[in-house]
Amino acid sequence: MESTSSYGQFCPVAMASEIICKRWTTLILREFLRGTTRFNDLRRGVPRMSPSLLSKRLKELVEAGVIESVSGSKGPAEYRLTPAGEELRGVVRDLGGWGHRWIESKVSLRNLDPSLLMWDMRRSLRPEPLPPRRCTIQFQYPELPQVQRNWWLVIDEGNVDLCGFDPGFEVDLLVRGSLRSMTSVWMGMSTVAQEVAKRQLHLDGDPAIASAMQHWLGLSSFAAMPRRVA
């Protein structure tokens, strides 16, 4: 009896799809290609995926030779892309580029997720435009429930930490506004200056850090790509 997970075709497209087109798998690959190696960090990149399903998909990717499990001398085991996994970099990049160009922005901005947005911002933030000292930047989304409303990025000696609770440091800049506006800026559909002018974002704090926000924010890796949808 033929497996329900198989297309039953010798075509390479069909065989590759059986591995990488399962639900969540391309997003897990996206996380690996962004440099994530540990299970808990993978969970932060796919916050709506259950831990049990994540474990299952990781096992499948190991069996397919896309990733390998590496036991660390200290701490939990890590996962690494194999040469076969690295070769998927262009596939995932092109898939994201297609979505950025052709999926209408109103559709894109329906799928708002503060934890994913802040995790992406933490990974892409550029410390160079910030002062050479510890900086704490608070993001506040008033329309969200209290548990998701406040986030802090702490930048210290080039390292960036994300906190979902008050780290206890003096806040250098408070960014207050809608999650939709901040996501729009992050995706390159708008700019900090445009959202501030529309009163959708409010910046309160160090003027130098506020004026450099568009530069230190980093933005999505797809933000610079032209959009071709009406």
C-alpha atoms as a PDB file:
ATOM      1  CA  MET A   1       0.000   0.000   0.000  1.00  0.00           C
ATOM      2  CA  GLU A   2       1.378   3.397  -0.994  1.00  0.00           C
ATOM      3  CA  SER A   3       2.284   5.786   1.834  1.00  0.00           C
ATOM      4  CA  THR A   4      -0.057   8.765   2.156  1.00  0.00           C
ATOM      5  CA  SER A   5       2.993  11.015   2.614  1.00  0.00           C
ATOM      6  CA  SER A   6       4.414  10.085  -0.795  1.00  0.00           C
ATOM      7  CA  TYR A   7       3.456  11.475  -4.176  1.00  0.00           C
ATOM      8  CA  GLY A   8       4.481   8.186  -5.730  1.00  0.00           C
ATOM      9  CA  GLN A   9       6.387   9.897  -8.543  1.00  0.00           C
ATOM     10  CA  PHE A  10      10.023   9.560  -9.613  1.00  0.00           C
ATOM     11  CA  CYS A  11      10.127  13.271 -10.526  1.00  0.00           C
ATOM     12  CA  PRO A  12      12.824  15.115  -8.487  1.00  0.00           C
ATOM     13  CA  VAL A  13      10.364  17.929  -7.762  1.00  0.00           C
ATOM     14  CA  ALA A  14       7.963  15.422  -6.206  1.00  0.00           C
ATOM     15  CA  MET A  15      10.698  13.716  -4.190  1.00  0.00           C
ATOM     16  CA  ALA A  16      12.099  17.003  -2.892  1.00  0.00           C
ATOM     17  CA  SER A  17       8.592  18.217  -2.022  1.00  0.00           C
ATOM     18  CA  GLU A  18       8.032  15.153   0.150  1.00  0.00           C
ATOM     19  CA  ILE A  19      10.842  16.433   2.371  1.00  0.00           C
ATOM     20  CA  ILE A  20      10.670  20.230   2.346  1.00  0.00           C
ATOM     21  CA  CYS A  21       6.993  20.955   1.650  1.00  0.00           C
ATOM     22  CA  LYS A  22       5.574  19.486   4.839  1.00  0.00           C
ATOM     23  CA  ARG A  23       3.873  22.038   7.089  1.00  0.00           C
ATOM     24  CA  TRP A  24       6.430  24.145   9.044  1.00  0.00           C
ATOM     25  CA  THR A  25       9.483  22.544   7.404  1.00  0.00           C
ATOM     26  CA  THR A  26      10.439  25.523   5.234  1.00  0.00           C
ATOM     27  CA  LEU A  27      10.122  27.807   8.276  1.00  0.00           C
ATOM     28  CA  ILE A  28      12.425  25.533  10.268  1.00  0.00           C
ATOM     29  CA  LEU A  29      14.895  25.679   7.371  1.00  0.00           C
ATOM     30  CA  ARG A  30      14.570  29.480   7.393  1.00  0.00           C
ATOM     31  CA  GLU A  31      15.626  29.471  11.047  1.00  0.00           C
ATOM     32  CA  PHE A  32      18.633  27.247  10.381  1.00  0.00           C
ATOM     33  CA  LEU A  33      19.674  29.478   7.488  1.00  0.00           C
ATOM     34  CA  ARG A  34      19.473  32.480   9.837  1.00  0.00           C
ATOM     35  CA  GLY A  35      22.033  30.795  12.097  1.00  0.00           C
ATOM     36  CA  THR A  36      19.803  29.137  14.700  1.00  0.00           C
ATOM     37  CA  THR A  37      21.152  25.831  16.012  1.00  0.00           C
ATOM     38  CA  ARG A  38      19.325  25.024  19.274  1.00  0.00           C
ATOM     39  CA  PHE A  39      15.868  23.638  19.924  1.00  0.00           C
ATOM     40  CA  ASN A  40      14.703  26.464  22.235  1.00  0.00           C
ATOM     41  CA  ASP A  41      15.854  29.125  19.778  1.00  0.00           C
ATOM     42  CA  LEU A  42      14.087  27.293  16.958  1.00  0.00           C
ATOM     43  CA  ARG A  43      10.900  27.453  19.038  1.00  0.00           C
ATOM     44  CA  ARG A  44      11.243  31.239  19.273  1.00  0.00           C
ATOM     45  CA  GLY A  45      11.461  31.425  15.491  1.00  0.00           C
ATOM     46  CA  VAL A  46       8.317  29.303  15.035  1.00  0.00           C
ATOM     47  CA  PRO A  47       6.351  30.280  18.171  1.00  0.00           C
ATOM     48  CA  ARG A  48       3.047  28.779  17.012  1.00  0.00           C
ATOM     49  CA  MET A  49       4.513  25.341  16.352  1.00  0.00           C
ATOM     50  CA  SER A  50       4.115  22.754  19.101  1.00  0.00           C
ATOM     51  CA  PRO A  51       7.348  21.369  20.634  1.00  0.00           C
ATOM     52  CA  SER A  52       6.291  17.800  19.758  1.00  0.00           C
ATOM     53  CA  LEU A  53       5.773  18.638  16.087  1.00  0.00           C
ATOM     54  CA  LEU A  54       9.066  20.525  15.994  1.00  0.00           C
ATOM     55  CA  SER A  55      10.829  17.454  17.381  1.00  0.00           C
ATOM     56  CA  LYS A  56       9.136  15.308  14.744  1.00  0.00           C
ATOM     57  CA  ARG A  57      10.159  17.593  11.868  1.00  0.00           C
ATOM     58  CA  LEU A  58      13.749  17.776  13.131  1.00  0.00           C
ATOM     59  CA  LYS A  59      13.900  13.974  13.230  1.00  0.00           C
ATOM     60  CA  GLU A  60      12.589  13.838   9.661  1.00  0.00           C
ATOM     61  CA  LEU A  61      15.182  16.354   8.477  1.00  0.00           C
ATOM     62  CA  VAL A  62      17.955  14.363  10.151  1.00  0.00           C
ATOM     63  CA  GLU A  63      16.724  11.160   8.476  1.00  0.00           C
ATOM     64  CA  ALA A  64      16.614  12.971   5.116  1.00  0.00           C
ATOM     65  CA  GLY A  65      20.217  14.130   5.524  1.00  0.00           C
ATOM     66  CA  VAL A  66      19.290  17.836   5.548  1.00  0.00           C
ATOM     67  CA  ILE A  67      20.511  18.478   9.115  1.00  0.00           C
ATOM     68  CA  GLU A  68      22.595  16.603  11.648  1.00  0.00           C
ATOM     69  CA  SER A  69      22.509  16.528  15.429  1.00  0.00           C
ATOM     70  CA  VAL A  70      25.756  17.523  17.146  1.00  0.00           C
ATOM     71  CA  SER A  71      26.227  16.776  20.835  1.00  0.00           C
ATOM     72  CA  GLY A  72      27.872  19.727  22.535  1.00  0.00           C
ATOM     73  CA  SER A  73      30.399  19.276  25.323  1.00  0.00           C
ATOM     74  CA  LYS A  74      28.410  21.830  27.298  1.00  0.00           C
ATOM     75  CA  GLY A  75      24.701  22.472  27.176  1.00  0.00           C
ATOM     76  CA  PRO A  76      22.020  20.897  24.958  1.00  0.00           C
ATOM     77  CA  ALA A  77      22.638  19.250  21.613  1.00  0.00           C
ATOM     78  CA  GLU A  78      22.735  21.459  18.551  1.00  0.00           C
ATOM     79  CA  TYR A  79      21.653  20.943  14.975  1.00  0.00           C
ATOM     80  CA  ARG A  80      23.717  21.845  11.925  1.00  0.00           C
ATOM     81  CA  LEU A  81      22.864  22.013   8.254  1.00  0.00           C
ATOM     82  CA  THR A  82      24.567  19.383   6.134  1.00  0.00           C
ATOM     83  CA  PRO A  83      25.873  20.275   2.640  1.00  0.00           C
ATOM     84  CA  ALA A  84      22.458  19.160   1.342  1.00  0.00           C
ATOM     85  CA  GLY A  85      20.773  21.567   3.766  1.00  0.00           C
ATOM     86  CA  GLU A  86      23.072  24.441   2.852  1.00  0.00           C
ATOM     87  CA  GLU A  87      22.155  23.914  -0.778  1.00  0.00           C
ATOM     88  CA  LEU A  88      18.565  24.839   0.104  1.00  0.00           C
ATOM     89  CA  ARG A  89      19.618  28.392   0.984  1.00  0.00           C
ATOM     90  CA  GLY A  90      18.813  29.718  -2.470  1.00  0.00           C
ATOM     91  CA  VAL A  91      15.503  27.833  -2.547  1.00  0.00           C
ATOM     92  CA  VAL A  92      14.296  29.380   0.729  1.00  0.00           C
ATOM     93  CA  ARG A  93      15.610  32.833  -0.229  1.00  0.00           C
ATOM     94  CA  ASP A  94      13.860  32.727  -3.584  1.00  0.00           C
ATOM     95  CA  LEU A  95      10.626  31.519  -1.997  1.00  0.00           C
ATOM     96  CA  GLY A  96      10.676  34.424   0.447  1.00  0.00           C
ATOM     97  CA  GLY A  97      11.563  36.863  -2.314  1.00  0.00           C
ATOM     98  CA  TRP A  98       8.611  35.656  -4.384  1.00  0.00           C
ATOM     99  CA  GLY A  99       6.265  36.113  -1.426  1.00  0.00           C
ATOM    100  CA  HIS A 100       7.585  39.613  -0.767  1.00  0.00           C
ATOM    101  CA  ARG A 101       7.162  40.648  -4.395  1.00  0.00           C
ATOM    102  CA  TRP A 102       3.820  39.097  -5.193  1.00  0.00           C
ATOM    103  CA  ILE A 103       1.756  38.683  -2.000  1.00  0.00           C
ATOM    104  CA  GLU A 104      -0.344  41.793  -1.444  1.00  0.00           C
ATOM    105  CA  SER A 105       0.764  43.769   1.617  1.00  0.00           C
ATOM    106  CA  LYS A 106      -2.681  43.757   3.249  1.00  0.00           C
ATOM    107  CA  VAL A 107      -2.570  39.963   3.225  1.00  0.00           C
ATOM    108  CA  SER A 108       0.979  39.963   4.642  1.00  0.00           C
ATOM    109  CA  LEU A 109       0.017  42.304   7.464  1.00  0.00           C
ATOM    110  CA  ARG A 110      -2.888  40.135   8.605  1.00  0.00           C
ATOM    111  CA  ASN A 111      -0.447  37.649  10.079  1.00  0.00           C
ATOM    112  CA  LEU A 112       0.963  39.735  12.908  1.00  0.00           C
ATOM    113  CA  ASP A 113       3.069  38.027  15.565  1.00  0.00           C
ATOM    114  CA  PRO A 114       4.889  40.160  18.160  1.00  0.00           C
ATOM    115  CA  SER A 115       7.168  37.379  19.402  1.00  0.00           C
ATOM    116  CA  LEU A 116       8.391  36.526  15.890  1.00  0.00           C
ATOM    117  CA  LEU A 117       8.790  40.189  14.945  1.00  0.00           C
ATOM    118  CA  MET A 118      10.847  40.977  18.041  1.00  0.00           C
ATOM    119  CA  TRP A 119      12.945  37.822  17.653  1.00  0.00           C
ATOM    120  CA  ASP A 120      13.729  38.778  14.045  1.00  0.00           C
ATOM    121  CA  MET A 121      14.555  42.329  15.101  1.00  0.00           C
ATOM    122  CA  ARG A 122      16.882  41.023  17.777  1.00  0.00           C
ATOM    123  CA  ARG A 123      18.757  38.907  15.208  1.00  0.00           C
ATOM    124  CA  SER A 124      19.113  41.664  12.621  1.00  0.00           C
ATOM    125  CA  LEU A 125      19.770  44.708  14.814  1.00  0.00           C
ATOM    126  CA  ARG A 126      22.962  46.567  13.894  1.00  0.00           C
ATOM    127  CA  PRO A 127      24.715  47.879  17.033  1.00  0.00           C
ATOM    128  CA  GLU A 128      27.153  50.124  15.118  1.00  0.00           C
ATOM    129  CA  PRO A 129      24.883  53.221  14.901  1.00  0.00           C
ATOM    130  CA  LEU A 130      24.183  53.035  18.659  1.00  0.00           C
ATOM    131  CA  PRO A 131      26.337  54.616  21.400  1.00  0.00           C
ATOM    132  CA  PRO A 132      29.280  52.466  22.623  1.00  0.00           C
ATOM    133  CA  ARG A 133      27.582  51.664  25.925  1.00  0.00           C
ATOM    134  CA  ARG A 134      24.714  49.526  27.084  1.00  0.00           C
ATOM    135  CA  CYS A 135      21.477  50.662  25.437  1.00  0.00           C
ATOM    136  CA  THR A 136      17.991  49.537  26.357  1.00  0.00           C
ATOM    137  CA  ILE A 137      15.186  50.043  23.853  1.00  0.00           C
ATOM    138  CA  GLN A 138      11.615  49.305  24.862  1.00  0.00           C
ATOM    139  CA  PHE A 139       8.889  48.501  22.324  1.00  0.00           C
ATOM    140  CA  GLN A 140       5.309  48.914  23.450  1.00  0.00           C
ATOM    141  CA  TYR A 141       2.245  47.762  21.505  1.00  0.00           C
ATOM    142  CA  PRO A 142      -0.753  49.209  23.398  1.00  0.00           C
ATOM    143  CA  GLU A 143      -3.392  47.224  21.494  1.00  0.00           C
ATOM    144  CA  LEU A 144      -2.005  43.839  22.580  1.00  0.00           C
ATOM    145  CA  PRO A 145      -2.811  41.915  25.772  1.00  0.00           C
ATOM    146  CA  GLN A 146      -0.598  42.833  28.720  1.00  0.00           C
ATOM    147  CA  VAL A 147       1.515  39.681  28.424  1.00  0.00           C
ATOM    148  CA  GLN A 148       2.541  40.612  24.835  1.00  0.00           C
ATOM    149  CA  ARG A 149       2.516  44.380  25.108  1.00  0.00           C
ATOM    150  CA  ASN A 150       6.081  45.217  26.221  1.00  0.00           C
ATOM    151  CA  TRP A 151       9.414  44.035  24.831  1.00  0.00           C
ATOM    152  CA  TRP A 152      12.971  45.158  25.537  1.00  0.00           C
ATOM    153  CA  LEU A 153      16.102  44.945  23.382  1.00  0.00           C
ATOM    154  CA  VAL A 154      19.295  45.270  25.422  1.00  0.00           C
ATOM    155  CA  ILE A 155      22.443  46.006  23.428  1.00  0.00           C
ATOM    156  CA  ASP A 156      25.727  45.657  25.303  1.00  0.00           C
ATOM    157  CA  GLU A 157      29.197  45.354  23.725  1.00  0.00           C
ATOM    158  CA  GLY A 158      27.726  44.274  20.415  1.00  0.00           C
ATOM    159  CA  ASN A 159      25.479  41.587  21.926  1.00  0.00           C
ATOM    160  CA  VAL A 160      21.714  41.913  21.605  1.00  0.00           C
ATOM    161  CA  ASP A 161      19.315  40.297  24.067  1.00  0.00           C
ATOM    162  CA  LEU A 162      15.515  40.197  23.828  1.00  0.00           C
ATOM    163  CA  CYS A 163      13.459  40.338  27.018  1.00  0.00           C
ATOM    164  CA  GLY A 164       9.730  39.855  27.427  1.00  0.00           C
ATOM    165  CA  PHE A 165       9.995  41.277  30.949  1.00  0.00           C
ATOM    166  CA  ASP A 166      11.523  44.461  32.326  1.00  0.00           C
ATOM    167  CA  PRO A 167      15.301  43.856  32.604  1.00  0.00           C
ATOM    168  CA  GLY A 168      15.581  46.644  35.154  1.00  0.00           C
ATOM    169  CA  PHE A 169      17.816  48.955  33.106  1.00  0.00           C
ATOM    170  CA  GLU A 170      17.112  52.586  32.360  1.00  0.00           C
ATOM    171  CA  VAL A 171      15.294  52.824  29.026  1.00  0.00           C
ATOM    172  CA  ASP A 172      17.172  54.891  26.429  1.00  0.00           C
ATOM    173  CA  LEU A 173      14.344  54.877  23.884  1.00  0.00           C
ATOM    174  CA  LEU A 174      10.663  53.961  24.100  1.00  0.00           C
ATOM    175  CA  VAL A 175       9.070  52.999  20.771  1.00  0.00           C
ATOM    176  CA  ARG A 176       5.297  53.036  21.158  1.00  0.00           C
ATOM    177  CA  GLY A 177       2.843  52.192  18.394  1.00  0.00           C
ATOM    178  CA  SER A 178       0.803  49.534  16.655  1.00  0.00           C
ATOM    179  CA  LEU A 179       2.219  46.118  15.867  1.00  0.00           C
ATOM    180  CA  ARG A 180       1.014  46.564  12.292  1.00  0.00           C
ATOM    181  CA  SER A 181       3.060  49.748  11.849  1.00  0.00           C
ATOM    182  CA  MET A 182       6.213  48.225  13.310  1.00  0.00           C
ATOM    183  CA  THR A 183       5.807  45.122  11.129  1.00  0.00           C
ATOM    184  CA  SER A 184       5.298  47.338   8.081  1.00  0.00           C
ATOM    185  CA  VAL A 185       8.582  49.132   8.809  1.00  0.00           C
ATOM    186  CA  TRP A 186      10.386  45.856   9.424  1.00  0.00           C
ATOM    187  CA  MET A 187       9.189  44.408   6.111  1.00  0.00           C
ATOM    188  CA  GLY A 188      10.231  47.511   4.154  1.00  0.00           C
ATOM    189  CA  MET A 189       6.643  48.480   3.302  1.00  0.00           C
ATOM    190  CA  SER A 190       7.042  51.744   5.203  1.00  0.00           C
ATOM    191  CA  THR A 191       9.755  53.663   7.068  1.00  0.00           C
ATOM    192  CA  VAL A 192      10.180  54.873  10.615  1.00  0.00           C
ATOM    193  CA  ALA A 193       9.859  58.491   9.435  1.00  0.00           C
ATOM    194  CA  GLN A 194       6.619  57.756   7.573  1.00  0.00           C
ATOM    195  CA  GLU A 195       5.023  55.968  10.541  1.00  0.00           C
ATOM    196  CA  VAL A 196       6.093  58.755  12.914  1.00  0.00           C
ATOM    197  CA  ALA A 197       4.647  61.367  10.548  1.00  0.00           C
ATOM    198  CA  LYS A 198       1.359  59.441  10.473  1.00  0.00           C
ATOM    199  CA  ARG A 199       1.445  59.290  14.302  1.00  0.00           C
ATOM    200  CA  GLN A 200       1.434  55.511  14.172  1.00  0.00           C
ATOM    201  CA  LEU A 201       4.798  55.324  15.955  1.00  0.00           C
ATOM    202  CA  HIS A 202       5.962  57.535  18.827  1.00  0.00           C
ATOM    203  CA  LEU A 203       9.637  57.719  19.813  1.00  0.00           C
ATOM    204  CA  ASP A 204      10.472  59.003  23.272  1.00  0.00           C
ATOM    205  CA  GLY A 205      14.012  59.166  24.599  1.00  0.00           C
ATOM    206  CA  ASP A 206      17.568  59.776  23.387  1.00  0.00           C
ATOM    207  CA  PRO A 207      17.251  61.906  20.196  1.00  0.00           C
ATOM    208  CA  ALA A 208      20.384  60.387  18.619  1.00  0.00           C
ATOM    209  CA  ILE A 209      19.121  56.828  19.076  1.00  0.00           C
ATOM    210  CA  ALA A 210      15.668  57.826  17.821  1.00  0.00           C
ATOM    211  CA  SER A 211      17.003  59.544  14.695  1.00  0.00           C
ATOM    212  CA  ALA A 212      19.182  56.519  13.846  1.00  0.00           C
ATOM    213  CA  MET A 213      16.399  53.945  14.307  1.00  0.00           C
ATOM    214  CA  GLN A 214      15.969  53.224  10.593  1.00  0.00           C
ATOM    215  CA  HIS A 215      19.673  52.310  10.473  1.00  0.00           C
ATOM    216  CA  TRP A 216      20.118  50.232  13.623  1.00  0.00           C
ATOM    217  CA  LEU A 217      16.834  48.393  13.138  1.00  0.00           C
ATOM    218  CA  GLY A 218      18.395  46.203  10.430  1.00  0.00           C
ATOM    219  CA  LEU A 219      15.091  45.271   8.721  1.00  0.00           C
ATOM    220  CA  SER A 220      14.004  42.012   7.110  1.00  0.00           C
ATOM    221  CA  SER A 221      16.391  40.409   4.637  1.00  0.00           C
ATOM    222  CA  PHE A 222      13.613  40.855   2.042  1.00  0.00           C
ATOM    223  CA  ALA A 223      12.923  44.532   2.801  1.00  0.00           C
ATOM    224  CA  ALA A 224      15.149  45.881   0.022  1.00  0.00           C
ATOM    225  CA  MET A 225      13.511  43.749  -2.666  1.00  0.00           C
ATOM    226  CA  PRO A 226      11.090  45.592  -4.960  1.00  0.00           C
ATOM    227  CA  ARG A 227       7.419  44.739  -4.617  1.00  0.00           C
ATOM    228  CA  ARG A 228       5.522  44.080  -7.849  1.00  0.00           C
ATOM    229  CA  VAL A 229       1.943  43.762  -6.599  1.00  0.00           C
ATOM    230  CA  ALA A 230      -0.710  46.410  -7.105  1.00  0.00           C
END
